[in-house]
Amino acid sequence: MKQYMLSVHMVEGAEMPSSETIEQMYADVDAFNAKMQAEGAWVFGGGLHPADTATVVRMQDGELLTTDGPFAEAKEQLGGFWVIKAPDLDAALAWAAGATKACQSPVEVRPFQDEAAD
C-alpha cells in the first residue's frame, strides 16, 4: 500500500476560534484518528507548534547556519500532519475529506516517493 502525507495548514494572523470550537476540533480529530487506526490507515500523525517556534538549519558556503523562524516566508504554514497508508489517491483523498472536516483547516495530500527495489 502506498503512503501519503495529509498536511494541515494554518494561516498566520487568522482569528483564533473560540475555546468551544477548539475543544470540538480536538474531539473530532481524536475520533478521526481512532477511525484511521481501526481501519488500518494510520501510520503517524501530530500537531505542530506555531511556525515562529521553528529553527532552520542549512549549509551556506561550507558553514553550518541556524536561523530562527520558518523556512518559508509565508502566511500559510504547516500546522500538523498525518502519514497514512491507502491503496490509491482516491482513498487518500477520502481520508483527507475527513481530516479537513475534523480539524477545520485545509489539508494537502501528497504521496511519498516510491522506495527503490532492493
PDB file of N, CA and C in Angstrom:
ATOM      1  N   MET A   1       0.843  -1.178   0.000  1.00  0.00           N
ATOM      2  CA  MET A   1       0.000   0.000   0.000  1.00  0.00           C
ATOM      3  C   MET A   1       0.886   1.238   0.000  1.00  0.00           C
ATOM      4  N   LYS A   2       0.462   2.239  -0.692  1.00  0.00           N
ATOM      5  CA  LYS A   2       1.195   3.500  -0.798  1.00  0.00           C
ATOM      6  C   LYS A   2       0.998   4.343   0.466  1.00  0.00           C
ATOM      7  N   GLN A   3       1.987   5.179   0.772  1.00  0.00           N
ATOM      8  CA  GLN A   3       1.845   6.099   1.897  1.00  0.00           C
ATOM      9  C   GLN A   3       1.645   7.511   1.378  1.00  0.00           C
ATOM     10  N   TYR A   4       0.811   8.258   2.091  1.00  0.00           N
ATOM     11  CA  TYR A   4       0.502   9.638   1.752  1.00  0.00           C
ATOM     12  C   TYR A   4       0.672  10.497   2.992  1.00  0.00           C
ATOM     13  N   MET A   5       1.043  11.747   2.767  1.00  0.00           N
ATOM     14  CA  MET A   5       1.087  12.718   3.852  1.00  0.00           C
ATOM     15  C   MET A   5      -0.108  13.642   3.694  1.00  0.00           C
ATOM     16  N   LEU A   6      -0.896  13.751   4.754  1.00  0.00           N
ATOM     17  CA  LEU A   6      -2.003  14.704   4.805  1.00  0.00           C
ATOM     18  C   LEU A   6      -1.518  15.841   5.684  1.00  0.00           C
ATOM     19  N   SER A   7      -1.230  16.979   5.095  1.00  0.00           N
ATOM     20  CA  SER A   7      -0.682  18.094   5.870  1.00  0.00           C
ATOM     21  C   SER A   7      -1.751  19.159   6.087  1.00  0.00           C
ATOM     22  N   VAL A   8      -1.805  19.623   7.329  1.00  0.00           N
ATOM     23  CA  VAL A   8      -2.779  20.626   7.752  1.00  0.00           C
ATOM     24  C   VAL A   8      -2.089  21.979   7.738  1.00  0.00           C
ATOM     25  N   HIS A   9      -2.729  22.964   7.150  1.00  0.00           N
ATOM     26  CA  HIS A   9      -2.128  24.287   7.043  1.00  0.00           C
ATOM     27  C   HIS A   9      -2.857  25.293   7.925  1.00  0.00           C
ATOM     28  N   MET A  10      -2.048  26.134   8.578  1.00  0.00           N
ATOM     29  CA  MET A  10      -2.561  27.211   9.426  1.00  0.00           C
ATOM     30  C   MET A  10      -2.284  28.531   8.724  1.00  0.00           C
ATOM     31  N   VAL A  11      -3.182  29.476   8.874  1.00  0.00           N
ATOM     32  CA  VAL A  11      -2.984  30.791   8.274  1.00  0.00           C
ATOM     33  C   VAL A  11      -2.558  31.755   9.374  1.00  0.00           C
ATOM     34  N   GLU A  12      -1.331  32.269   9.242  1.00  0.00           N
ATOM     35  CA  GLU A  12      -0.787  33.205  10.222  1.00  0.00           C
ATOM     36  C   GLU A  12      -1.673  34.445  10.309  1.00  0.00           C
ATOM     37  N   GLY A  13      -1.985  34.875  11.517  1.00  0.00           N
ATOM     38  CA  GLY A  13      -2.782  36.073  11.716  1.00  0.00           C
ATOM     39  C   GLY A  13      -4.283  35.847  11.633  1.00  0.00           C
ATOM     40  N   ALA A  14      -4.700  34.617  11.304  1.00  0.00           N
ATOM     41  CA  ALA A  14      -6.136  34.343  11.244  1.00  0.00           C
ATOM     42  C   ALA A  14      -6.719  34.398  12.647  1.00  0.00           C
ATOM     43  N   GLU A  15      -7.967  34.775  12.719  1.00  0.00           N
ATOM     44  CA  GLU A  15      -8.637  34.858  14.013  1.00  0.00           C
ATOM     45  C   GLU A  15      -8.694  33.475  14.655  1.00  0.00           C
ATOM     46  N   MET A  16      -8.349  33.417  15.935  1.00  0.00           N
ATOM     47  CA  MET A  16      -8.390  32.149  16.667  1.00  0.00           C
ATOM     48  C   MET A  16      -9.845  31.752  16.905  1.00  0.00           C
ATOM     49  N   PRO A  17     -10.142  30.457  16.741  1.00  0.00           N
ATOM     50  CA  PRO A  17     -11.504  30.007  17.048  1.00  0.00           C
ATOM     51  C   PRO A  17     -11.785  30.105  18.550  1.00  0.00           C
ATOM     52  N   SER A  18     -13.032  30.069  18.906  1.00  0.00           N
ATOM     53  CA  SER A  18     -13.414  30.118  20.325  1.00  0.00           C
ATOM     54  C   SER A  18     -12.907  28.861  21.032  1.00  0.00           C
ATOM     55  N   SER A  19     -12.834  28.921  22.348  1.00  0.00           N
ATOM     56  CA  SER A  19     -12.372  27.755  23.114  1.00  0.00           C
ATOM     57  C   SER A  19     -13.312  26.569  22.915  1.00  0.00           C
ATOM     58  N   GLU A  20     -14.612  26.822  22.749  1.00  0.00           N
ATOM     59  CA  GLU A  20     -15.567  25.744  22.495  1.00  0.00           C
ATOM     60  C   GLU A  20     -15.286  25.083  21.146  1.00  0.00           C
ATOM     61  N   THR A  21     -14.992  25.903  20.138  1.00  0.00           N
ATOM     62  CA  THR A  21     -14.686  25.363  18.814  1.00  0.00           C
ATOM     63  C   THR A  21     -13.395  24.551  18.858  1.00  0.00           C
ATOM     64  N   ILE A  22     -12.393  25.041  19.554  1.00  0.00           N
ATOM     65  CA  ILE A  22     -11.124  24.311  19.665  1.00  0.00           C
ATOM     66  C   ILE A  22     -11.345  22.968  20.365  1.00  0.00           C
ATOM     67  N   GLU A  23     -12.138  22.975  21.442  1.00  0.00           N
ATOM     68  CA  GLU A  23     -12.464  21.734  22.141  1.00  0.00           C
ATOM     69  C   GLU A  23     -13.133  20.739  21.208  1.00  0.00           C
ATOM     70  N   GLN A  24     -14.073  21.229  20.401  1.00  0.00           N
ATOM     71  CA  GLN A  24     -14.775  20.362  19.447  1.00  0.00           C
ATOM     72  C   GLN A  24     -13.809  19.831  18.395  1.00  0.00           C
ATOM     73  N   MET A  25     -12.906  20.683  17.910  1.00  0.00           N
ATOM     74  CA  MET A  25     -11.916  20.248  16.919  1.00  0.00           C
ATOM     75  C   MET A  25     -11.050  19.127  17.491  1.00  0.00           C
ATOM     76  N   TYR A  26     -10.570  19.285  18.731  1.00  0.00           N
ATOM     77  CA  TYR A  26      -9.753  18.239  19.358  1.00  0.00           C
ATOM     78  C   TYR A  26     -10.534  16.927  19.458  1.00  0.00           C
ATOM     79  N   ALA A  27     -11.785  17.014  19.859  1.00  0.00           N
ATOM     80  CA  ALA A  27     -12.616  15.806  19.966  1.00  0.00           C
ATOM     81  C   ALA A  27     -12.811  15.166  18.595  1.00  0.00           C
ATOM     82  N   ASP A  28     -13.076  15.990  17.576  1.00  0.00           N
ATOM     83  CA  ASP A  28     -13.280  15.472  16.219  1.00  0.00           C
ATOM     84  C   ASP A  28     -12.003  14.839  15.672  1.00  0.00           C
ATOM     85  N   VAL A  29     -10.859  15.465  15.927  1.00  0.00           N
ATOM     86  CA  VAL A  29      -9.581  14.902  15.465  1.00  0.00           C
ATOM     87  C   VAL A  29      -9.286  13.596  16.199  1.00  0.00           C
ATOM     88  N   ASP A  30      -9.550  13.536  17.499  1.00  0.00           N
ATOM     89  CA  ASP A  30      -9.355  12.286  18.241  1.00  0.00           C
ATOM     90  C   ASP A  30     -10.209  11.164  17.658  1.00  0.00           C
ATOM     91  N   ALA A  31     -11.471  11.464  17.348  1.00  0.00           N
ATOM     92  CA  ALA A  31     -12.367  10.464  16.756  1.00  0.00           C
ATOM     93  C   ALA A  31     -11.872  10.055  15.364  1.00  0.00           C
ATOM     94  N   PHE A  32     -11.412  11.019  14.583  1.00  0.00           N
ATOM     95  CA  PHE A  32     -10.880  10.734  13.250  1.00  0.00           C
ATOM     96  C   PHE A  32      -9.633   9.848  13.356  1.00  0.00           C
ATOM     97  N   ASN A  33      -8.740  10.164  14.291  1.00  0.00           N
ATOM     98  CA  ASN A  33      -7.544   9.344  14.491  1.00  0.00           C
ATOM     99  C   ASN A  33      -7.919   7.910  14.864  1.00  0.00           C
ATOM    100  N   ALA A  34      -8.886   7.754  15.754  1.00  0.00           N
ATOM    101  CA  ALA A  34      -9.326   6.422  16.175  1.00  0.00           C
ATOM    102  C   ALA A  34      -9.888   5.637  14.990  1.00  0.00           C
ATOM    103  N   LYS A  35     -10.635   6.308  14.121  1.00  0.00           N
ATOM    104  CA  LYS A  35     -11.195   5.645  12.936  1.00  0.00           C
ATOM    105  C   LYS A  35     -10.074   5.188  12.002  1.00  0.00           C
ATOM    106  N   MET A  36      -9.096   6.062  11.775  1.00  0.00           N
ATOM    107  CA  MET A  36      -7.970   5.683  10.898  1.00  0.00           C
ATOM    108  C   MET A  36      -7.212   4.497  11.484  1.00  0.00           C
ATOM    109  N   GLN A  37      -6.994   4.511  12.790  1.00  0.00           N
ATOM    110  CA  GLN A  37      -6.278   3.408  13.434  1.00  0.00           C
ATOM    111  C   GLN A  37      -7.083   2.116  13.318  1.00  0.00           C
ATOM    112  N   ALA A  38      -8.387   2.176  13.566  1.00  0.00           N
ATOM    113  CA  ALA A  38      -9.239   0.994  13.495  1.00  0.00           C
ATOM    114  C   ALA A  38      -9.286   0.403  12.087  1.00  0.00           C
ATOM    115  N   GLU A  39      -9.194   1.262  11.067  1.00  0.00           N
ATOM    116  CA  GLU A  39      -9.275   0.799   9.683  1.00  0.00           C
ATOM    117  C   GLU A  39      -7.911   0.516   9.066  1.00  0.00           C
ATOM    118  N   GLY A  40      -6.836   0.667   9.857  1.00  0.00           N
ATOM    119  CA  GLY A  40      -5.501   0.307   9.385  1.00  0.00           C
ATOM    120  C   GLY A  40      -4.840   1.322   8.477  1.00  0.00           C
ATOM    121  N   ALA A  41      -5.359   2.539   8.411  1.00  0.00           N
ATOM    122  CA  ALA A  41      -4.765   3.567   7.548  1.00  0.00           C
ATOM    123  C   ALA A  41      -3.706   4.384   8.272  1.00  0.00           C
ATOM    124  N   TRP A  42      -3.774   4.435   9.589  1.00  0.00           N
ATOM    125  CA  TRP A  42      -2.884   5.268  10.418  1.00  0.00           C
ATOM    126  C   TRP A  42      -1.453   4.754  10.361  1.00  0.00           C
ATOM    127  N   VAL A  43      -0.495   5.650  10.117  1.00  0.00           N
ATOM    128  CA  VAL A  43       0.928   5.361  10.283  1.00  0.00           C
ATOM    129  C   VAL A  43       1.473   6.238  11.408  1.00  0.00           C
ATOM    130  N   PHE A  44       1.239   7.554  11.297  1.00  0.00           N
ATOM    131  CA  PHE A  44       1.738   8.500  12.286  1.00  0.00           C
ATOM    132  C   PHE A  44       1.040   9.831  12.077  1.00  0.00           C
ATOM    133  N   GLY A  45       0.941  10.630  13.113  1.00  0.00           N
ATOM    134  CA  GLY A  45       0.369  11.961  12.966  1.00  0.00           C
ATOM    135  C   GLY A  45       0.720  12.824  14.157  1.00  0.00           C
ATOM    136  N   GLY A  46       0.593  14.128  13.977  1.00  0.00           N
ATOM    137  CA  GLY A  46       0.858  15.033  15.086  1.00  0.00           C
ATOM    138  C   GLY A  46       0.628  16.479  14.710  1.00  0.00           C
ATOM    139  N   GLY A  47       0.353  17.273  15.725  1.00  0.00           N
ATOM    140  CA  GLY A  47       0.222  18.718  15.549  1.00  0.00           C
ATOM    141  C   GLY A  47       1.552  19.387  15.837  1.00  0.00           C
ATOM    142  N   LEU A  48       1.738  20.558  15.281  1.00  0.00           N
ATOM    143  CA  LEU A  48       2.986  21.300  15.453  1.00  0.00           C
ATOM    144  C   LEU A  48       2.732  22.610  16.182  1.00  0.00           C
ATOM    145  N   HIS A  49       3.750  23.086  16.889  1.00  0.00           N
ATOM    146  CA  HIS A  49       3.684  24.423  17.475  1.00  0.00           C
ATOM    147  C   HIS A  49       3.708  25.444  16.340  1.00  0.00           C
ATOM    148  N   PRO A  50       3.366  26.704  16.588  1.00  0.00           N
ATOM    149  CA  PRO A  50       3.349  27.723  15.529  1.00  0.00           C
ATOM    150  C   PRO A  50       4.705  27.845  14.818  1.00  0.00           C
ATOM    151  N   ALA A  51       4.658  28.308  13.586  1.00  0.00           N
ATOM    152  CA  ALA A  51       5.857  28.399  12.746  1.00  0.00           C
ATOM    153  C   ALA A  51       6.935  29.294  13.341  1.00  0.00           C
ATOM    154  N   ASP A  52       6.563  30.264  14.173  1.00  0.00           N
ATOM    155  CA  ASP A  52       7.590  31.148  14.737  1.00  0.00           C
ATOM    156  C   ASP A  52       8.462  30.440  15.778  1.00  0.00           C
ATOM    157  N   THR A  53       8.138  29.191  16.115  1.00  0.00           N
ATOM    158  CA  THR A  53       8.984  28.414  17.024  1.00  0.00           C
ATOM    159  C   THR A  53      10.022  27.584  16.268  1.00  0.00           C
ATOM    160  N   ALA A  54       9.985  27.622  14.941  1.00  0.00           N
ATOM    161  CA  ALA A  54      10.877  26.805  14.114  1.00  0.00           C
ATOM    162  C   ALA A  54      12.304  27.351  14.110  1.00  0.00           C
ATOM    163  N   THR A  55      13.243  26.463  13.839  1.00  0.00           N
ATOM    164  CA  THR A  55      14.639  26.817  13.598  1.00  0.00           C
ATOM    165  C   THR A  55      15.054  26.135  12.299  1.00  0.00           C
ATOM    166  N   VAL A  56      15.669  26.874  11.403  1.00  0.00           N
ATOM    167  CA  VAL A  56      16.125  26.334  10.124  1.00  0.00           C
ATOM    168  C   VAL A  56      17.631  26.100  10.201  1.00  0.00           C
ATOM    169  N   VAL A  57      18.060  24.916   9.785  1.00  0.00           N
ATOM    170  CA  VAL A  57      19.479  24.549   9.750  1.00  0.00           C
ATOM    171  C   VAL A  57      19.860  24.376   8.282  1.00  0.00           C
ATOM    172  N   ARG A  58      20.939  25.033   7.864  1.00  0.00           N
ATOM    173  CA  ARG A  58      21.364  24.939   6.453  1.00  0.00           C
ATOM    174  C   ARG A  58      22.874  25.088   6.351  1.00  0.00           C
ATOM    175  N   MET A  59      23.384  24.624   5.217  1.00  0.00           N
ATOM    176  CA  MET A  59      24.796  24.834   4.879  1.00  0.00           C
ATOM    177  C   MET A  59      24.867  25.992   3.890  1.00  0.00           C
ATOM    178  N   GLN A  60      25.768  26.937   4.157  1.00  0.00           N
ATOM    179  CA  GLN A  60      25.963  28.066   3.249  1.00  0.00           C
ATOM    180  C   GLN A  60      27.452  28.343   3.180  1.00  0.00           C
ATOM    181  N   ASP A  61      28.010  28.245   1.988  1.00  0.00           N
ATOM    182  CA  ASP A  61      29.447  28.467   1.772  1.00  0.00           C
ATOM    183  C   ASP A  61      30.285  27.611   2.725  1.00  0.00           C
ATOM    184  N   GLY A  62      29.866  26.348   2.894  1.00  0.00           N
ATOM    185  CA  GLY A  62      30.611  25.426   3.728  1.00  0.00           C
ATOM    186  C   GLY A  62      30.417  25.618   5.227  1.00  0.00           C
ATOM    187  N   GLU A  63      29.581  26.548   5.624  1.00  0.00           N
ATOM    188  CA  GLU A  63      29.335  26.817   7.049  1.00  0.00           C
ATOM    189  C   GLU A  63      27.927  26.373   7.422  1.00  0.00           C
ATOM    190  N   LEU A  64      27.803  25.843   8.618  1.00  0.00           N
ATOM    191  CA  LEU A  64      26.506  25.465   9.150  1.00  0.00           C
ATOM    192  C   LEU A  64      25.867  26.688   9.802  1.00  0.00           C
ATOM    193  N   LEU A  65      24.670  27.053   9.330  1.00  0.00           N
ATOM    194  CA  LEU A  65      23.955  28.217   9.863  1.00  0.00           C
ATOM    195  C   LEU A  65      22.615  27.789  10.438  1.00  0.00           C
ATOM    196  N   THR A  66      22.222  28.415  11.522  1.00  0.00           N
ATOM    197  CA  THR A  66      20.872  28.224  12.055  1.00  0.00           C
ATOM    198  C   THR A  66      20.208  29.593  12.145  1.00  0.00           C
ATOM    199  N   THR A  67      18.941  29.630  11.781  1.00  0.00           N
ATOM    200  CA  THR A  67      18.175  30.870  11.860  1.00  0.00           C
ATOM    201  C   THR A  67      16.831  30.584  12.513  1.00  0.00           C
ATOM    202  N   ASP A  68      16.318  31.558  13.232  1.00  0.00           N
ATOM    203  CA  ASP A  68      15.017  31.424  13.872  1.00  0.00           C
ATOM    204  C   ASP A  68      13.909  31.649  12.862  1.00  0.00           C
ATOM    205  N   GLY A  69      12.792  31.008  13.123  1.00  0.00           N
ATOM    206  CA  GLY A  69      11.610  31.223  12.299  1.00  0.00           C
ATOM    207  C   GLY A  69      11.474  30.192  11.205  1.00  0.00           C
ATOM    208  N   PRO A  70      10.357  30.206  10.515  1.00  0.00           N
ATOM    209  CA  PRO A  70      10.093  29.195   9.483  1.00  0.00           C
ATOM    210  C   PRO A  70      10.996  29.373   8.268  1.00  0.00           C
ATOM    211  N   PHE A  71      11.167  28.288   7.532  1.00  0.00           N
ATOM    212  CA  PHE A  71      11.970  28.315   6.312  1.00  0.00           C
ATOM    213  C   PHE A  71      11.321  29.224   5.275  1.00  0.00           C
ATOM    214  N   ALA A  72      10.023  29.059   5.076  1.00  0.00           N
ATOM    215  CA  ALA A  72       9.311  29.847   4.064  1.00  0.00           C
ATOM    216  C   ALA A  72       8.710  31.101   4.703  1.00  0.00           C
ATOM    217  N   GLU A  73       8.877  32.217   4.043  1.00  0.00           N
ATOM    218  CA  GLU A  73       8.247  33.470   4.473  1.00  0.00           C
ATOM    219  C   GLU A  73       6.864  33.506   3.832  1.00  0.00           C
ATOM    220  N   ALA A  74       5.884  32.993   4.541  1.00  0.00           N
ATOM    221  CA  ALA A  74       4.533  32.909   4.002  1.00  0.00           C
ATOM    222  C   ALA A  74       3.529  33.045   5.134  1.00  0.00           C
ATOM    223  N   LYS A  75       2.297  33.366   4.781  1.00  0.00           N
ATOM    224  CA  LYS A  75       1.246  33.467   5.790  1.00  0.00           C
ATOM    225  C   LYS A  75       0.702  32.098   6.160  1.00  0.00           C
ATOM    226  N   GLU A  76       0.769  31.142   5.222  1.00  0.00           N
ATOM    227  CA  GLU A  76       0.293  29.790   5.485  1.00  0.00           C
ATOM    228  C   GLU A  76       1.475  28.906   5.819  1.00  0.00           C
ATOM    229  N   GLN A  77       1.377  28.195   6.932  1.00  0.00           N
ATOM    230  CA  GLN A  77       2.451  27.330   7.398  1.00  0.00           C
ATOM    231  C   GLN A  77       1.873  25.973   7.776  1.00  0.00           C
ATOM    232  N   LEU A  78       2.743  24.976   7.803  1.00  0.00           N
ATOM    233  CA  LEU A  78       2.347  23.642   8.222  1.00  0.00           C
ATOM    234  C   LEU A  78       1.977  23.663   9.694  1.00  0.00           C
ATOM    235  N   GLY A  79       0.808  23.145  10.017  1.00  0.00           N
ATOM    236  CA  GLY A  79       0.344  23.149  11.398  1.00  0.00           C
ATOM    237  C   GLY A  79       0.291  21.761  12.015  1.00  0.00           C
ATOM    238  N   GLY A  80       0.273  20.742  11.194  1.00  0.00           N
ATOM    239  CA  GLY A  80       0.222  19.364  11.666  1.00  0.00           C
ATOM    240  C   GLY A  80       0.128  18.440  10.474  1.00  0.00           C
ATOM    241  N   PHE A  81       0.127  17.135  10.740  1.00  0.00           N
ATOM    242  CA  PHE A  81       0.126  16.195   9.626  1.00  0.00           C
ATOM    243  C   PHE A  81      -0.273  14.799  10.076  1.00  0.00           C
ATOM    244  N   TRP A  82      -0.656  14.006   9.109  1.00  0.00           N
ATOM    245  CA  TRP A  82      -0.819  12.568   9.274  1.00  0.00           C
ATOM    246  C   TRP A  82      -0.019  11.902   8.166  1.00  0.00           C
ATOM    247  N   VAL A  83       0.552  10.765   8.455  1.00  0.00           N
ATOM    248  CA  VAL A  83       1.088   9.872   7.433  1.00  0.00           C
ATOM    249  C   VAL A  83       0.153   8.671   7.449  1.00  0.00           C
ATOM    250  N   ILE A  84      -0.406   8.362   6.282  1.00  0.00           N
ATOM    251  CA  ILE A  84      -1.385   7.276   6.197  1.00  0.00           C
ATOM    252  C   ILE A  84      -0.976   6.266   5.140  1.00  0.00           C
ATOM    253  N   LYS A  85      -1.593   5.083   5.212  1.00  0.00           N
ATOM    254  CA  LYS A  85      -1.488   4.073   4.157  1.00  0.00           C
ATOM    255  C   LYS A  85      -2.831   4.048   3.443  1.00  0.00           C
ATOM    256  N   ALA A  86      -2.790   4.064   2.114  1.00  0.00           N
ATOM    257  CA  ALA A  86      -4.022   3.996   1.328  1.00  0.00           C
ATOM    258  C   ALA A  86      -3.711   3.279   0.022  1.00  0.00           C
ATOM    259  N   PRO A  87      -4.676   2.548  -0.517  1.00  0.00           N
ATOM    260  CA  PRO A  87      -4.413   1.803  -1.746  1.00  0.00           C
ATOM    261  C   PRO A  87      -4.198   2.698  -2.968  1.00  0.00           C
ATOM    262  N   ASP A  88      -4.770   3.918  -2.938  1.00  0.00           N
ATOM    263  CA  ASP A  88      -4.629   4.807  -4.096  1.00  0.00           C
ATOM    264  C   ASP A  88      -4.979   6.240  -3.673  1.00  0.00           C
ATOM    265  N   LEU A  89      -4.801   7.156  -4.627  1.00  0.00           N
ATOM    266  CA  LEU A  89      -5.055   8.574  -4.343  1.00  0.00           C
ATOM    267  C   LEU A  89      -6.504   8.821  -3.953  1.00  0.00           C
ATOM    268  N   ASP A  90      -7.448   8.151  -4.595  1.00  0.00           N
ATOM    269  CA  ASP A  90      -8.862   8.364  -4.252  1.00  0.00           C
ATOM    270  C   ASP A  90      -9.134   8.038  -2.786  1.00  0.00           C
ATOM    271  N   ALA A  91      -8.545   6.955  -2.301  1.00  0.00           N
ATOM    272  CA  ALA A  91      -8.723   6.582  -0.894  1.00  0.00           C
ATOM    273  C   ALA A  91      -8.058   7.614   0.019  1.00  0.00           C
ATOM    274  N   ALA A  92      -6.878   8.102  -0.375  1.00  0.00           N
ATOM    275  CA  ALA A  92      -6.196   9.131   0.417  1.00  0.00           C
ATOM    276  C   ALA A  92      -7.015  10.417   0.455  1.00  0.00           C
ATOM    277  N   LEU A  93      -7.629  10.770  -0.673  1.00  0.00           N
ATOM    278  CA  LEU A  93      -8.474  11.971  -0.720  1.00  0.00           C
ATOM    279  C   LEU A  93      -9.707  11.808   0.161  1.00  0.00           C
ATOM    280  N   ALA A  94     -10.243  10.604   0.237  1.00  0.00           N
ATOM    281  CA  ALA A  94     -11.385  10.358   1.120  1.00  0.00           C
ATOM    282  C   ALA A  94     -10.970  10.572   2.582  1.00  0.00           C
ATOM    283  N   TRP A  95      -9.771  10.099   2.965  1.00  0.00           N
ATOM    284  CA  TRP A  95      -9.273  10.350   4.323  1.00  0.00           C
ATOM    285  C   TRP A  95      -9.063  11.849   4.543  1.00  0.00           C
ATOM    286  N   ALA A  96      -8.550  12.544   3.539  1.00  0.00           N
ATOM    287  CA  ALA A  96      -8.329  13.987   3.665  1.00  0.00           C
ATOM    288  C   ALA A  96      -9.642  14.739   3.862  1.00  0.00           C
ATOM    289  N   ALA A  97     -10.714  14.258   3.246  1.00  0.00           N
ATOM    290  CA  ALA A  97     -12.023  14.889   3.433  1.00  0.00           C
ATOM    291  C   ALA A  97     -12.440  14.805   4.901  1.00  0.00           C
ATOM    292  N   GLY A  98     -12.203  13.654   5.516  1.00  0.00           N
ATOM    293  CA  GLY A  98     -12.494  13.512   6.941  1.00  0.00           C
ATOM    294  C   GLY A  98     -11.574  14.361   7.793  1.00  0.00           C
ATOM    295  N   ALA A  99     -10.317  14.465   7.380  1.00  0.00           N
ATOM    296  CA  ALA A  99      -9.332  15.250   8.127  1.00  0.00           C
ATOM    297  C   ALA A  99      -9.690  16.729   8.123  1.00  0.00           C
ATOM    298  N   THR A 100     -10.041  17.263   6.964  1.00  0.00           N
ATOM    299  CA  THR A 100     -10.350  18.693   6.878  1.00  0.00           C
ATOM    300  C   THR A 100     -11.623  19.027   7.660  1.00  0.00           C
ATOM    301  N   LYS A 101     -12.553  18.081   7.681  1.00  0.00           N
ATOM    302  CA  LYS A 101     -13.775  18.267   8.464  1.00  0.00           C
ATOM    303  C   LYS A 101     -13.447  18.280   9.957  1.00  0.00           C
ATOM    304  N   ALA A 102     -12.587  17.352  10.381  1.00  0.00           N
ATOM    305  CA  ALA A 102     -12.259  17.222  11.808  1.00  0.00           C
ATOM    306  C   ALA A 102     -11.459  18.412  12.329  1.00  0.00           C
ATOM    307  N   CYS A 103     -10.441  18.839  11.566  1.00  0.00           N
ATOM    308  CA  CYS A 103      -9.557  19.902  12.083  1.00  0.00           C
ATOM    309  C   CYS A 103      -9.956  21.293  11.612  1.00  0.00           C
ATOM    310  N   GLN A 104     -10.950  21.373  10.739  1.00  0.00           N
ATOM    311  CA  GLN A 104     -11.477  22.651  10.249  1.00  0.00           C
ATOM    312  C   GLN A 104     -10.399  23.532   9.621  1.00  0.00           C
ATOM    313  N   SER A 105      -9.471  22.890   8.903  1.00  0.00           N
ATOM    314  CA  SER A 105      -8.393  23.596   8.200  1.00  0.00           C
ATOM    315  C   SER A 105      -8.139  22.900   6.875  1.00  0.00           C
ATOM    316  N   PRO A 106      -7.522  23.601   5.923  1.00  0.00           N
ATOM    317  CA  PRO A 106      -7.183  22.955   4.653  1.00  0.00           C
ATOM    318  C   PRO A 106      -6.199  21.803   4.872  1.00  0.00           C
ATOM    319  N   VAL A 107      -6.345  20.749   4.072  1.00  0.00           N
ATOM    320  CA  VAL A 107      -5.466  19.585   4.154  1.00  0.00           C
ATOM    321  C   VAL A 107      -4.928  19.286   2.760  1.00  0.00           C
ATOM    322  N   GLU A 108      -3.609  19.236   2.640  1.00  0.00           N
ATOM    323  CA  GLU A 108      -2.950  18.902   1.380  1.00  0.00           C
ATOM    324  C   GLU A 108      -2.603  17.423   1.393  1.00  0.00           C
ATOM    325  N   VAL A 109      -2.789  16.746   0.262  1.00  0.00           N
ATOM    326  CA  VAL A 109      -2.477  15.322   0.130  1.00  0.00           C
ATOM    327  C   VAL A 109      -1.302  15.165  -0.826  1.00  0.00           C
ATOM    328  N   ARG A 110      -0.260  14.478  -0.352  1.00  0.00           N
ATOM    329  CA  ARG A 110       0.906  14.226  -1.219  1.00  0.00           C
ATOM    330  C   ARG A 110       1.408  12.811  -1.012  1.00  0.00           C
ATOM    331  N   PRO A 111       1.669  12.106  -2.120  1.00  0.00           N
ATOM    332  CA  PRO A 111       2.218  10.755  -1.980  1.00  0.00           C
ATOM    333  C   PRO A 111       3.712  10.817  -1.653  1.00  0.00           C
ATOM    334  N   PHE A 112       4.166   9.823  -0.911  1.00  0.00           N
ATOM    335  CA  PHE A 112       5.600   9.666  -0.705  1.00  0.00           C
ATOM    336  C   PHE A 112       6.202   9.098  -1.976  1.00  0.00           C
ATOM    337  N   GLN A 113       7.468   9.373  -2.213  1.00  0.00           N
ATOM    338  CA  GLN A 113       8.156   8.779  -3.339  1.00  0.00           C
ATOM    339  C   GLN A 113       8.243   7.281  -3.119  1.00  0.00           C
ATOM    340  N   ASP A 114       8.137   6.538  -4.220  1.00  0.00           N
ATOM    341  CA  ASP A 114       8.252   5.084  -4.117  1.00  0.00           C
ATOM    342  C   ASP A 114       9.661   4.729  -3.673  1.00  0.00           C
ATOM    343  N   GLU A 115       9.740   3.695  -2.838  1.00  0.00           N
ATOM    344  CA  GLU A 115      11.053   3.229  -2.394  1.00  0.00           C
ATOM    345  C   GLU A 115      11.693   2.429  -3.511  1.00  0.00           C
ATOM    346  N   ALA A 116      12.999   2.521  -3.631  1.00  0.00           N
ATOM    347  CA  ALA A 116      13.721   1.755  -4.645  1.00  0.00           C
ATOM    348  C   ALA A 116      13.678   0.280  -4.274  1.00  0.00           C
ATOM    349  N   ALA A 117      13.582  -0.574  -5.298  1.00  0.00           N
ATOM    350  CA  ALA A 117      13.573  -2.020  -5.052  1.00  0.00           C
ATOM    351  C   ALA A 117      14.956  -2.467  -4.586  1.00  0.00           C
ATOM    352  N   ASP A 118      14.971  -3.422  -3.645  1.00  0.00           N
ATOM    353  CA  ASP A 118      16.262  -3.942  -3.133  1.00  0.00           C
ATOM    354  C   ASP A 118      16.900  -4.882  -4.118  1.00  0.00           C
TER     355      ASP A 118
END
